Each structure stands twice: as structure tokens, then as C-alpha cells.
Amino acid sequence: MRLILVVAALALAAGAALAVAPGGDAVVACGRISFTPFGTTRQVAYSVRIVNGNVSCRTARRVMLRFMEKNTFPLGWFCARGHASQGQKWAASCGTAAGADVKAYGPLRR
């Protein structure tokens, strides 16, 4: 019984590691965030991707949604808006000093 628990714990740990960290140049697609911008009644959606770093998709979506909705970001993060005039294809980017890089692309068409 103890061996089964150990094997199950190792399998869970391996699965969690795969779900969190992109390897090398891999970009992890984390789904969409949706919100209603201030002053409008129309909901918009953005695609969130982890470009670099050891970040979970849940954290990536949470940080990006907070920045896009409230123009603030959590302690330890820095976020900025993208500008098409500078050739940036992303709408927003958030990162940490540890090297995490999360980007939002959109708004997406429905």
C-alpha cells in the first residue's frame, strides 16, 4: 500500500511539473481571459501564453486579468501594454525578475 502511495505522489509531481514549466523555446497556451473594460458593456477576450519561466497557467491568467481589468499587478510582477506602432503583436506583457514572461494577445474575435 505504501508503494502505491509513493508512486501516485511521484506521478502527481511529474504531472504538475509538466503543466507549469515550458521547456526551452516552448510557448504554453493558457486559454483565454474575458472581462468588460471600464466604461463599456461589451465583453472582450484575450489569449494568454507563457513565453518563458516557471509559472502555472492559473497564475498567468490571474496576473494578466488583474492587469487588464484594473491596470495593477501583484507584488513581484511588472506589466506593460503592447503598442502596434512599435511592432508588438501582444496586447499586454507581464514578467518577474526571476525571468517569467506572460503575454496576452487580442482582443479575440467571437
PDB file of N, CA and C in Angstrom:
ATOM      1  N   MET A   1       0.822  -1.197   0.000  1.00  0.00           N
ATOM      2  CA  MET A   1       0.000   0.000   0.000  1.00  0.00           C
ATOM      3  C   MET A   1       0.870   1.267   0.000  1.00  0.00           C
ATOM      4  N   ARG A   2       1.930   1.204   0.780  1.00  0.00           N
ATOM      5  CA  ARG A   2       2.821   2.365   0.866  1.00  0.00           C
ATOM      6  C   ARG A   2       3.492   2.646  -0.483  1.00  0.00           C
ATOM      7  N   LEU A   3       3.861   1.606  -1.211  1.00  0.00           N
ATOM      8  CA  LEU A   3       4.480   1.753  -2.522  1.00  0.00           C
ATOM      9  C   LEU A   3       3.523   2.414  -3.504  1.00  0.00           C
ATOM     10  N   ILE A   4       2.271   2.073  -3.444  1.00  0.00           N
ATOM     11  CA  ILE A   4       1.263   2.674  -4.322  1.00  0.00           C
ATOM     12  C   ILE A   4       1.139   4.171  -4.043  1.00  0.00           C
ATOM     13  N   LEU A   5       1.149   4.554  -2.775  1.00  0.00           N
ATOM     14  CA  LEU A   5       1.068   5.979  -2.418  1.00  0.00           C
ATOM     15  C   LEU A   5       2.290   6.748  -2.907  1.00  0.00           C
ATOM     16  N   VAL A   6       3.459   6.141  -2.793  1.00  0.00           N
ATOM     17  CA  VAL A   6       4.685   6.797  -3.243  1.00  0.00           C
ATOM     18  C   VAL A   6       4.654   6.980  -4.760  1.00  0.00           C
ATOM     19  N   VAL A   7       4.254   5.936  -5.481  1.00  0.00           N
ATOM     20  CA  VAL A   7       4.175   6.017  -6.938  1.00  0.00           C
ATOM     21  C   VAL A   7       3.150   7.061  -7.360  1.00  0.00           C
ATOM     22  N   ALA A   8       2.008   7.112  -6.686  1.00  0.00           N
ATOM     23  CA  ALA A   8       0.975   8.104  -7.005  1.00  0.00           C
ATOM     24  C   ALA A   8       1.491   9.519  -6.755  1.00  0.00           C
ATOM     25  N   ALA A   9       2.211   9.722  -5.656  1.00  0.00           N
ATOM     26  CA  ALA A   9       2.756  11.045  -5.346  1.00  0.00           C
ATOM     27  C   ALA A   9       3.782  11.472  -6.397  1.00  0.00           C
ATOM     28  N   LEU A  10       4.625  10.549  -6.829  1.00  0.00           N
ATOM     29  CA  LEU A  10       5.610  10.865  -7.863  1.00  0.00           C
ATOM     30  C   LEU A  10       4.937  11.185  -9.192  1.00  0.00           C
ATOM     31  N   ALA A  11       3.887  10.462  -9.520  1.00  0.00           N
ATOM     32  CA  ALA A  11       3.161  10.726 -10.764  1.00  0.00           C
ATOM     33  C   ALA A  11       2.514  12.103 -10.725  1.00  0.00           C
ATOM     34  N   LEU A  12       1.936  12.473  -9.589  1.00  0.00           N
ATOM     35  CA  LEU A  12       1.339  13.806  -9.446  1.00  0.00           C
ATOM     36  C   LEU A  12       2.392  14.896  -9.558  1.00  0.00           C
ATOM     37  N   ALA A  13       3.528  14.700  -8.945  1.00  0.00           N
ATOM     38  CA  ALA A  13       4.600  15.697  -9.010  1.00  0.00           C
ATOM     39  C   ALA A  13       5.108  15.858 -10.436  1.00  0.00           C
ATOM     40  N   ALA A  14       5.257  14.749 -11.155  1.00  0.00           N
ATOM     41  CA  ALA A  14       5.717  14.828 -12.544  1.00  0.00           C
ATOM     42  C   ALA A  14       4.684  15.536 -13.413  1.00  0.00           C
ATOM     43  N   GLY A  15       3.425  15.259 -13.204  1.00  0.00           N
ATOM     44  CA  GLY A  15       2.358  15.924 -13.963  1.00  0.00           C
ATOM     45  C   GLY A  15       2.314  17.408 -13.681  1.00  0.00           C
ATOM     46  N   ALA A  16       2.493  17.793 -12.429  1.00  0.00           N
ATOM     47  CA  ALA A  16       2.491  19.215 -12.072  1.00  0.00           C
ATOM     48  C   ALA A  16       3.672  19.929 -12.707  1.00  0.00           C
ATOM     49  N   ALA A  17       4.821  19.290 -12.760  1.00  0.00           N
ATOM     50  CA  ALA A  17       5.995  19.911 -13.378  1.00  0.00           C
ATOM     51  C   ALA A  17       5.771  20.134 -14.866  1.00  0.00           C
ATOM     52  N   LEU A  18       5.128  19.202 -15.526  1.00  0.00           N
ATOM     53  CA  LEU A  18       4.866  19.362 -16.951  1.00  0.00           C
ATOM     54  C   LEU A  18       3.851  20.458 -17.219  1.00  0.00           C
ATOM     55  N   ALA A  19       2.893  20.638 -16.320  1.00  0.00           N
ATOM     56  CA  ALA A  19       1.850  21.644 -16.515  1.00  0.00           C
ATOM     57  C   ALA A  19       2.348  23.049 -16.218  1.00  0.00           C
ATOM     58  N   VAL A  20       3.472  23.187 -15.540  1.00  0.00           N
ATOM     59  CA  VAL A  20       3.935  24.502 -15.112  1.00  0.00           C
ATOM     60  C   VAL A  20       4.992  25.092 -16.024  1.00  0.00           C
ATOM     61  N   ALA A  21       6.022  24.376 -16.315  1.00  0.00           N
ATOM     62  CA  ALA A  21       7.190  24.981 -16.956  1.00  0.00           C
ATOM     63  C   ALA A  21       7.309  24.632 -18.426  1.00  0.00           C
ATOM     64  N   PRO A  22       7.379  25.663 -19.284  1.00  0.00           N
ATOM     65  CA  PRO A  22       7.673  25.378 -20.678  1.00  0.00           C
ATOM     66  C   PRO A  22       9.141  25.005 -20.829  1.00  0.00           C
ATOM     67  N   GLY A  23       9.436  24.071 -21.704  1.00  0.00           N
ATOM     68  CA  GLY A  23      10.814  23.657 -21.882  1.00  0.00           C
ATOM     69  C   GLY A  23      11.470  24.376 -23.052  1.00  0.00           C
ATOM     70  N   GLY A  24      12.623  24.953 -22.823  1.00  0.00           N
ATOM     71  CA  GLY A  24      13.376  25.610 -23.890  1.00  0.00           C
ATOM     72  C   GLY A  24      12.617  26.772 -24.498  1.00  0.00           C
ATOM     73  N   ASP A  25      12.363  26.660 -25.807  1.00  0.00           N
ATOM     74  CA  ASP A  25      11.674  27.730 -26.514  1.00  0.00           C
ATOM     75  C   ASP A  25      10.174  27.493 -26.614  1.00  0.00           C
ATOM     76  N   ALA A  26       9.655  26.519 -25.894  1.00  0.00           N
ATOM     77  CA  ALA A  26       8.235  26.184 -25.972  1.00  0.00           C
ATOM     78  C   ALA A  26       7.381  27.283 -25.348  1.00  0.00           C
ATOM     79  N   VAL A  27       6.292  27.591 -26.030  1.00  0.00           N
ATOM     80  CA  VAL A  27       5.323  28.553 -25.517  1.00  0.00           C
ATOM     81  C   VAL A  27       4.113  27.753 -25.056  1.00  0.00           C
ATOM     82  N   VAL A  28       3.622  28.051 -23.852  1.00  0.00           N
ATOM     83  CA  VAL A  28       2.478  27.334 -23.301  1.00  0.00           C
ATOM     84  C   VAL A  28       1.228  28.185 -23.468  1.00  0.00           C
ATOM     85  N   ALA A  29       0.228  27.647 -24.151  1.00  0.00           N
ATOM     86  CA  ALA A  29      -1.062  28.332 -24.303  1.00  0.00           C
ATOM     87  C   ALA A  29      -1.887  28.069 -23.053  1.00  0.00           C
ATOM     88  N   CYS A  30      -2.354  29.137 -22.411  1.00  0.00           N
ATOM     89  CA  CYS A  30      -3.081  29.014 -21.143  1.00  0.00           C
ATOM     90  C   CYS A  30      -4.563  29.349 -21.263  1.00  0.00           C
ATOM     91  N   GLY A  31      -5.082  29.383 -22.443  1.00  0.00           N
ATOM     92  CA  GLY A  31      -6.505  29.655 -22.602  1.00  0.00           C
ATOM     93  C   GLY A  31      -6.792  31.143 -22.697  1.00  0.00           C
ATOM     94  N   ARG A  32      -8.026  31.486 -22.346  1.00  0.00           N
ATOM     95  CA  ARG A  32      -8.491  32.867 -22.507  1.00  0.00           C
ATOM     96  C   ARG A  32      -8.855  33.509 -21.180  1.00  0.00           C
ATOM     97  N   ILE A  33      -8.783  34.827 -21.170  1.00  0.00           N
ATOM     98  CA  ILE A  33      -9.372  35.619 -20.092  1.00  0.00           C
ATOM     99  C   ILE A  33     -10.420  36.515 -20.732  1.00  0.00           C
ATOM    100  N   SER A  34     -11.505  36.755 -20.038  1.00  0.00           N
ATOM    101  CA  SER A  34     -12.568  37.628 -20.536  1.00  0.00           C
ATOM    102  C   SER A  34     -12.937  38.626 -19.454  1.00  0.00           C
ATOM    103  N   PHE A  35     -13.235  39.843 -19.867  1.00  0.00           N
ATOM    104  CA  PHE A  35     -13.643  40.872 -18.922  1.00  0.00           C
ATOM    105  C   PHE A  35     -14.354  41.986 -19.683  1.00  0.00           C
ATOM    106  N   THR A  36     -15.025  42.845 -18.948  1.00  0.00           N
ATOM    107  CA  THR A  36     -15.699  44.001 -19.523  1.00  0.00           C
ATOM    108  C   THR A  36     -14.890  45.241 -19.161  1.00  0.00           C
ATOM    109  N   PRO A  37     -14.275  45.898 -20.134  1.00  0.00           N
ATOM    110  CA  PRO A  37     -13.480  47.099 -19.837  1.00  0.00           C
ATOM    111  C   PRO A  37     -14.335  48.206 -19.226  1.00  0.00           C
ATOM    112  N   PHE A  38     -13.700  49.021 -18.408  1.00  0.00           N
ATOM    113  CA  PHE A  38     -14.392  50.134 -17.758  1.00  0.00           C
ATOM    114  C   PHE A  38     -15.007  51.051 -18.809  1.00  0.00           C
ATOM    115  N   GLY A  39     -16.252  51.408 -18.597  1.00  0.00           N
ATOM    116  CA  GLY A  39     -16.930  52.345 -19.487  1.00  0.00           C
ATOM    117  C   GLY A  39     -17.609  51.699 -20.680  1.00  0.00           C
ATOM    118  N   THR A  40     -17.572  50.368 -20.760  1.00  0.00           N
ATOM    119  CA  THR A  40     -18.234  49.678 -21.863  1.00  0.00           C
ATOM    120  C   THR A  40     -19.155  48.590 -21.320  1.00  0.00           C
ATOM    121  N   THR A  41     -19.980  48.078 -22.188  1.00  0.00           N
ATOM    122  CA  THR A  41     -20.841  46.956 -21.804  1.00  0.00           C
ATOM    123  C   THR A  41     -20.474  45.702 -22.586  1.00  0.00           C
ATOM    124  N   ARG A  42     -19.498  45.821 -23.481  1.00  0.00           N
ATOM    125  CA  ARG A  42     -19.091  44.712 -24.331  1.00  0.00           C
ATOM    126  C   ARG A  42     -17.932  43.956 -23.696  1.00  0.00           C
ATOM    127  N   GLN A  43     -18.079  42.650 -23.555  1.00  0.00           N
ATOM    128  CA  GLN A  43     -17.009  41.832 -23.000  1.00  0.00           C
ATOM    129  C   GLN A  43     -15.968  41.536 -24.078  1.00  0.00           C
ATOM    130  N   VAL A  44     -14.694  41.565 -23.700  1.00  0.00           N
ATOM    131  CA  VAL A  44     -13.602  41.250 -24.614  1.00  0.00           C
ATOM    132  C   VAL A  44     -12.821  40.053 -24.077  1.00  0.00           C
ATOM    133  N   ALA A  45     -12.159  39.341 -24.973  1.00  0.00           N
ATOM    134  CA  ALA A  45     -11.386  38.164 -24.587  1.00  0.00           C
ATOM    135  C   ALA A  45      -9.971  38.272 -25.152  1.00  0.00           C
ATOM    136  N   TYR A  46      -9.022  37.753 -24.405  1.00  0.00           N
ATOM    137  CA  TYR A  46      -7.619  37.741 -24.810  1.00  0.00           C
ATOM    138  C   TYR A  46      -7.050  36.342 -24.577  1.00  0.00           C
ATOM    139  N   SER A  47      -6.148  35.921 -25.436  1.00  0.00           N
ATOM    140  CA  SER A  47      -5.448  34.657 -25.301  1.00  0.00           C
ATOM    141  C   SER A  47      -4.199  34.884 -24.453  1.00  0.00           C
ATOM    142  N   VAL A  48      -3.965  34.019 -23.459  1.00  0.00           N
ATOM    143  CA  VAL A  48      -2.820  34.165 -22.556  1.00  0.00           C
ATOM    144  C   VAL A  48      -1.821  33.046 -22.842  1.00  0.00           C
ATOM    145  N   ARG A  49      -0.543  33.419 -22.931  1.00  0.00           N
ATOM    146  CA  ARG A  49       0.528  32.448 -23.198  1.00  0.00           C
ATOM    147  C   ARG A  49       1.710  32.689 -22.270  1.00  0.00           C
ATOM    148  N   ILE A  50       2.307  31.605 -21.808  1.00  0.00           N
ATOM    149  CA  ILE A  50       3.554  31.692 -21.045  1.00  0.00           C
ATOM    150  C   ILE A  50       4.685  31.555 -22.053  1.00  0.00           C
ATOM    151  N   VAL A  51       5.479  32.607 -22.195  1.00  0.00           N
ATOM    152  CA  VAL A  51       6.576  32.620 -23.154  1.00  0.00           C
ATOM    153  C   VAL A  51       7.852  32.077 -22.521  1.00  0.00           C
ATOM    154  N   ASN A  52       8.037  32.335 -21.229  1.00  0.00           N
ATOM    155  CA  ASN A  52       9.256  31.917 -20.553  1.00  0.00           C
ATOM    156  C   ASN A  52       8.986  31.832 -19.055  1.00  0.00           C
ATOM    157  N   GLY A  53       9.707  30.959 -18.374  1.00  0.00           N
ATOM    158  CA  GLY A  53       9.662  30.921 -16.920  1.00  0.00           C
ATOM    159  C   GLY A  53       8.829  29.798 -16.342  1.00  0.00           C
ATOM    160  N   ASN A  54       8.945  29.674 -15.045  1.00  0.00           N
ATOM    161  CA  ASN A  54       8.279  28.624 -14.285  1.00  0.00           C
ATOM    162  C   ASN A  54       7.023  29.192 -13.632  1.00  0.00           C
ATOM    163  N   VAL A  55       5.950  29.275 -14.403  1.00  0.00           N
ATOM    164  CA  VAL A  55       4.688  29.868 -13.946  1.00  0.00           C
ATOM    165  C   VAL A  55       3.561  28.930 -14.329  1.00  0.00           C
ATOM    166  N   SER A  56       2.574  28.783 -13.452  1.00  0.00           N
ATOM    167  CA  SER A  56       1.413  27.972 -13.799  1.00  0.00           C
ATOM    168  C   SER A  56       0.460  28.790 -14.673  1.00  0.00           C
ATOM    169  N   CYS A  57      -0.359  28.105 -15.436  1.00  0.00           N
ATOM    170  CA  CYS A  57      -1.348  28.807 -16.262  1.00  0.00           C
ATOM    171  C   CYS A  57      -2.332  29.574 -15.389  1.00  0.00           C
ATOM    172  N   ARG A  58      -2.666  29.018 -14.246  1.00  0.00           N
ATOM    173  CA  ARG A  58      -3.591  29.706 -13.332  1.00  0.00           C
ATOM    174  C   ARG A  58      -3.016  31.059 -12.900  1.00  0.00           C
ATOM    175  N   THR A  59      -1.747  31.074 -12.533  1.00  0.00           N
ATOM    176  CA  THR A  59      -1.095  32.322 -12.142  1.00  0.00           C
ATOM    177  C   THR A  59      -0.999  33.277 -13.318  1.00  0.00           C
ATOM    178  N   ALA A  60      -0.655  32.758 -14.481  1.00  0.00           N
ATOM    179  CA  ALA A  60      -0.530  33.599 -15.674  1.00  0.00           C
ATOM    180  C   ALA A  60      -1.857  34.294 -15.986  1.00  0.00           C
ATOM    181  N   ARG A  61      -2.958  33.545 -15.956  1.00  0.00           N
ATOM    182  CA  ARG A  61      -4.275  34.140 -16.233  1.00  0.00           C
ATOM    183  C   ARG A  61      -4.671  35.135 -15.143  1.00  0.00           C
ATOM    184  N   ARG A  62      -4.389  34.798 -13.891  1.00  0.00           N
ATOM    185  CA  ARG A  62      -4.746  35.675 -12.766  1.00  0.00           C
ATOM    186  C   ARG A  62      -4.013  37.018 -12.852  1.00  0.00           C
ATOM    187  N   VAL A  63      -2.711  36.978 -13.090  1.00  0.00           N
ATOM    188  CA  VAL A  63      -1.911  38.206 -13.179  1.00  0.00           C
ATOM    189  C   VAL A  63      -2.367  39.050 -14.368  1.00  0.00           C
ATOM    190  N   MET A  64      -2.562  38.398 -15.512  1.00  0.00           N
ATOM    191  CA  MET A  64      -2.955  39.129 -16.717  1.00  0.00           C
ATOM    192  C   MET A  64      -4.351  39.734 -16.585  1.00  0.00           C
ATOM    193  N   LEU A  65      -5.287  38.992 -16.008  1.00  0.00           N
ATOM    194  CA  LEU A  65      -6.641  39.517 -15.831  1.00  0.00           C
ATOM    195  C   LEU A  65      -6.634  40.727 -14.900  1.00  0.00           C
ATOM    196  N   ARG A  66      -5.881  40.644 -13.813  1.00  0.00           N
ATOM    197  CA  ARG A  66      -5.798  41.780 -12.887  1.00  0.00           C
ATOM    198  C   ARG A  66      -5.235  43.017 -13.586  1.00  0.00           C
ATOM    199  N   PHE A  67      -4.194  42.821 -14.392  1.00  0.00           N
ATOM    200  CA  PHE A  67      -3.605  43.957 -15.090  1.00  0.00           C
ATOM    201  C   PHE A  67      -4.566  44.535 -16.122  1.00  0.00           C
ATOM    202  N   MET A  68      -5.191  43.678 -16.895  1.00  0.00           N
ATOM    203  CA  MET A  68      -6.083  44.154 -17.960  1.00  0.00           C
ATOM    204  C   MET A  68      -7.332  44.827 -17.398  1.00  0.00           C
ATOM    205  N   GLU A  69      -7.852  44.322 -16.272  1.00  0.00           N
ATOM    206  CA  GLU A  69      -9.066  44.900 -15.681  1.00  0.00           C
ATOM    207  C   GLU A  69      -8.796  46.163 -14.868  1.00  0.00           C
ATOM    208  N   LYS A  70      -7.764  46.109 -14.025  1.00  0.00           N
ATOM    209  CA  LYS A  70      -7.552  47.174 -13.035  1.00  0.00           C
ATOM    210  C   LYS A  70      -6.291  47.997 -13.248  1.00  0.00           C
ATOM    211  N   ASN A  71      -5.480  47.623 -14.255  1.00  0.00           N
ATOM    212  CA  ASN A  71      -4.230  48.321 -14.537  1.00  0.00           C
ATOM    213  C   ASN A  71      -3.271  48.294 -13.347  1.00  0.00           C
ATOM    214  N   THR A  72      -3.327  47.210 -12.570  1.00  0.00           N
ATOM    215  CA  THR A  72      -2.400  46.986 -11.460  1.00  0.00           C
ATOM    216  C   THR A  72      -1.835  45.579 -11.613  1.00  0.00           C
ATOM    217  N   PHE A  73      -0.755  45.296 -10.907  1.00  0.00           N
ATOM    218  CA  PHE A  73      -0.168  43.968 -10.968  1.00  0.00           C
ATOM    219  C   PHE A  73       0.331  43.576  -9.585  1.00  0.00           C
ATOM    220  N   PRO A  74       0.387  42.261  -9.312  1.00  0.00           N
ATOM    221  CA  PRO A  74       0.796  41.777  -7.992  1.00  0.00           C
ATOM    222  C   PRO A  74       2.248  42.117  -7.668  1.00  0.00           C
ATOM    223  N   LEU A  75       2.562  42.127  -6.395  1.00  0.00           N
ATOM    224  CA  LEU A  75       3.926  42.355  -5.928  1.00  0.00           C
ATOM    225  C   LEU A  75       4.857  41.316  -6.553  1.00  0.00           C
ATOM    226  N   GLY A  76       5.967  41.763  -7.083  1.00  0.00           N
ATOM    227  CA  GLY A  76       6.920  40.866  -7.720  1.00  0.00           C
ATOM    228  C   GLY A  76       6.746  40.760  -9.229  1.00  0.00           C
ATOM    229  N   TRP A  77       5.692  41.354  -9.753  1.00  0.00           N
ATOM    230  CA  TRP A  77       5.421  41.343 -11.185  1.00  0.00           C
ATOM    231  C   TRP A  77       5.508  42.756 -11.733  1.00  0.00           C
ATOM    232  N   PHE A  78       5.781  42.878 -13.034  1.00  0.00           N
ATOM    233  CA  PHE A  78       5.717  44.152 -13.737  1.00  0.00           C
ATOM    234  C   PHE A  78       4.987  43.903 -15.043  1.00  0.00           C
ATOM    235  N   CYS A  79       4.038  44.758 -15.365  1.00  0.00           N
ATOM    236  CA  CYS A  79       3.257  44.585 -16.584  1.00  0.00           C
ATOM    237  C   CYS A  79       3.269  45.863 -17.422  1.00  0.00           C
ATOM    238  N   ALA A  80       3.114  45.690 -18.731  1.00  0.00           N
ATOM    239  CA  ALA A  80       3.063  46.829 -19.656  1.00  0.00           C
ATOM    240  C   ALA A  80       2.147  46.470 -20.822  1.00  0.00           C
ATOM    241  N   ARG A  81       1.613  47.498 -21.460  1.00  0.00           N
ATOM    242  CA  ARG A  81       0.755  47.311 -22.636  1.00  0.00           C
ATOM    243  C   ARG A  81       1.623  47.282 -23.892  1.00  0.00           C
ATOM    244  N   GLY A  82       1.192  46.520 -24.873  1.00  0.00           N
ATOM    245  CA  GLY A  82       1.885  46.456 -26.151  1.00  0.00           C
ATOM    246  C   GLY A  82       1.413  47.580 -27.066  1.00  0.00           C
ATOM    247  N   HIS A  83       2.240  47.939 -28.032  1.00  0.00           N
ATOM    248  CA  HIS A  83       1.909  49.007 -28.973  1.00  0.00           C
ATOM    249  C   HIS A  83       2.194  48.529 -30.390  1.00  0.00           C
ATOM    250  N   ALA A  84       1.155  48.512 -31.215  1.00  0.00           N
ATOM    251  CA  ALA A  84       1.308  48.066 -32.605  1.00  0.00           C
ATOM    252  C   ALA A  84       2.292  48.950 -33.356  1.00  0.00           C
ATOM    253  N   SER A  85       2.356  50.235 -32.997  1.00  0.00           N
ATOM    254  CA  SER A  85       3.266  51.146 -33.688  1.00  0.00           C
ATOM    255  C   SER A  85       4.730  50.763 -33.467  1.00  0.00           C
ATOM    256  N   GLN A  86       5.006  49.974 -32.443  1.00  0.00           N
ATOM    257  CA  GLN A  86       6.367  49.513 -32.170  1.00  0.00           C
ATOM    258  C   GLN A  86       6.572  48.068 -32.630  1.00  0.00           C
ATOM    259  N   GLY A  87       5.602  47.565 -33.385  1.00  0.00           N
ATOM    260  CA  GLY A  87       5.721  46.222 -33.931  1.00  0.00           C
ATOM    261  C   GLY A  87       5.434  45.106 -32.939  1.00  0.00           C
ATOM    262  N   GLN A  88       4.782  45.435 -31.830  1.00  0.00           N
ATOM    263  CA  GLN A  88       4.482  44.420 -30.824  1.00  0.00           C
ATOM    264  C   GLN A  88       3.129  43.785 -31.127  1.00  0.00           C
ATOM    265  N   LYS A  89       3.113  42.468 -31.258  1.00  0.00           N
ATOM    266  CA  LYS A  89       1.885  41.763 -31.594  1.00  0.00           C
ATOM    267  C   LYS A  89       1.046  41.439 -30.357  1.00  0.00           C
ATOM    268  N   TRP A  90       1.613  41.599 -29.174  1.00  0.00           N
ATOM    269  CA  TRP A  90       0.894  41.295 -27.941  1.00  0.00           C
ATOM    270  C   TRP A  90       0.205  42.544 -27.397  1.00  0.00           C
ATOM    271  N   ALA A  91      -0.908  42.327 -26.702  1.00  0.00           N
ATOM    272  CA  ALA A  91      -1.664  43.437 -26.121  1.00  0.00           C
ATOM    273  C   ALA A  91      -1.117  43.842 -24.758  1.00  0.00           C
ATOM    274  N   ALA A  92      -0.593  42.864 -24.008  1.00  0.00           N
ATOM    275  CA  ALA A  92      -0.014  43.144 -22.692  1.00  0.00           C
ATOM    276  C   ALA A  92       1.029  42.083 -22.390  1.00  0.00           C
ATOM    277  N   SER A  93       2.002  42.454 -21.574  1.00  0.00           N
ATOM    278  CA  SER A  93       3.060  41.539 -21.174  1.00  0.00           C
ATOM    279  C   SER A  93       3.350  41.738 -19.701  1.00  0.00           C
ATOM    280  N   CYS A  94       3.502  40.634 -18.974  1.00  0.00           N
ATOM    281  CA  CYS A  94       3.836  40.694 -17.549  1.00  0.00           C
ATOM    282  C   CYS A  94       5.034  39.784 -17.306  1.00  0.00           C
ATOM    283  N   GLY A  95       5.915  40.213 -16.412  1.00  0.00           N
ATOM    284  CA  GLY A  95       7.099  39.429 -16.124  1.00  0.00           C
ATOM    285  C   GLY A  95       7.563  39.595 -14.696  1.00  0.00           C
ATOM    286  N   THR A  96       8.516  38.746 -14.306  1.00  0.00           N
ATOM    287  CA  THR A  96       9.109  38.805 -12.973  1.00  0.00           C
ATOM    288  C   THR A  96      10.623  38.925 -13.110  1.00  0.00           C
ATOM    289  N   ALA A  97      11.269  39.286 -12.013  1.00  0.00           N
ATOM    290  CA  ALA A  97      12.727  39.365 -12.004  1.00  0.00           C
ATOM    291  C   ALA A  97      13.350  37.986 -12.178  1.00  0.00           C
ATOM    292  N   ALA A  98      12.594  36.934 -11.849  1.00  0.00           N
ATOM    293  CA  ALA A  98      13.089  35.564 -11.989  1.00  0.00           C
ATOM    294  C   ALA A  98      13.068  35.078 -13.437  1.00  0.00           C
ATOM    295  N   GLY A  99      12.488  35.872 -14.340  1.00  0.00           N
ATOM    296  CA  GLY A  99      12.514  35.513 -15.753  1.00  0.00           C
ATOM    297  C   GLY A  99      11.196  35.047 -16.346  1.00  0.00           C
ATOM    298  N   ALA A 100      10.128  35.056 -15.560  1.00  0.00           N
ATOM    299  CA  ALA A 100       8.826  34.671 -16.112  1.00  0.00           C
ATOM    300  C   ALA A 100       8.366  35.733 -17.108  1.00  0.00           C
ATOM    301  N   ASP A 101       7.757  35.297 -18.197  1.00  0.00           N
ATOM    302  CA  ASP A 101       7.249  36.209 -19.217  1.00  0.00           C
ATOM    303  C   ASP A 101       5.908  35.670 -19.707  1.00  0.00           C
ATOM    304  N   VAL A 102       4.845  36.434 -19.446  1.00  0.00           N
ATOM    305  CA  VAL A 102       3.489  36.050 -19.823  1.00  0.00           C
ATOM    306  C   VAL A 102       2.938  37.135 -20.741  1.00  0.00           C
ATOM    307  N   LYS A 103       2.313  36.718 -21.835  1.00  0.00           N
ATOM    308  CA  LYS A 103       1.773  37.696 -22.784  1.00  0.00           C
ATOM    309  C   LYS A 103       0.293  37.413 -23.063  1.00  0.00           C
ATOM    310  N   ALA A 104      -0.453  38.497 -23.348  1.00  0.00           N
ATOM    311  CA  ALA A 104      -1.849  38.397 -23.751  1.00  0.00           C
ATOM    312  C   ALA A 104      -1.954  38.893 -25.188  1.00  0.00           C
ATOM    313  N   TYR A 105      -2.681  38.148 -26.011  1.00  0.00           N
ATOM    314  CA  TYR A 105      -2.872  38.504 -27.411  1.00  0.00           C
ATOM    315  C   TYR A 105      -4.359  38.724 -27.662  1.00  0.00           C
ATOM    316  N   GLY A 106      -4.688  39.750 -28.400  1.00  0.00           N
ATOM    317  CA  GLY A 106      -6.098  40.016 -28.692  1.00  0.00           C
ATOM    318  C   GLY A 106      -6.318  41.494 -28.881  1.00  0.00           C
ATOM    319  N   PRO A 107      -7.573  41.922 -28.812  1.00  0.00           N
ATOM    320  CA  PRO A 107      -8.748  41.143 -28.427  1.00  0.00           C
ATOM    321  C   PRO A 107      -9.120  40.129 -29.508  1.00  0.00           C
ATOM    322  N   LEU A 108      -9.677  39.021 -29.047  1.00  0.00           N
ATOM    323  CA  LEU A 108     -10.057  37.923 -29.942  1.00  0.00           C
ATOM    324  C   LEU A 108     -11.436  38.192 -30.541  1.00  0.00           C
ATOM    325  N   ARG A 109     -11.616  37.736 -31.754  1.00  0.00           N
ATOM    326  CA  ARG A 109     -12.938  37.849 -32.390  1.00  0.00           C
ATOM    327  C   ARG A 109     -13.813  36.718 -31.900  1.00  0.00           C
ATOM    328  N   ARG A 110     -15.079  37.007 -31.807  1.00  0.00           N
ATOM    329  CA  ARG A 110     -16.014  35.976 -31.346  1.00  0.00           C
ATOM    330  C   ARG A 110     -16.747  35.367 -32.471  1.00  0.00           C
TER     331      ARG A 110
END
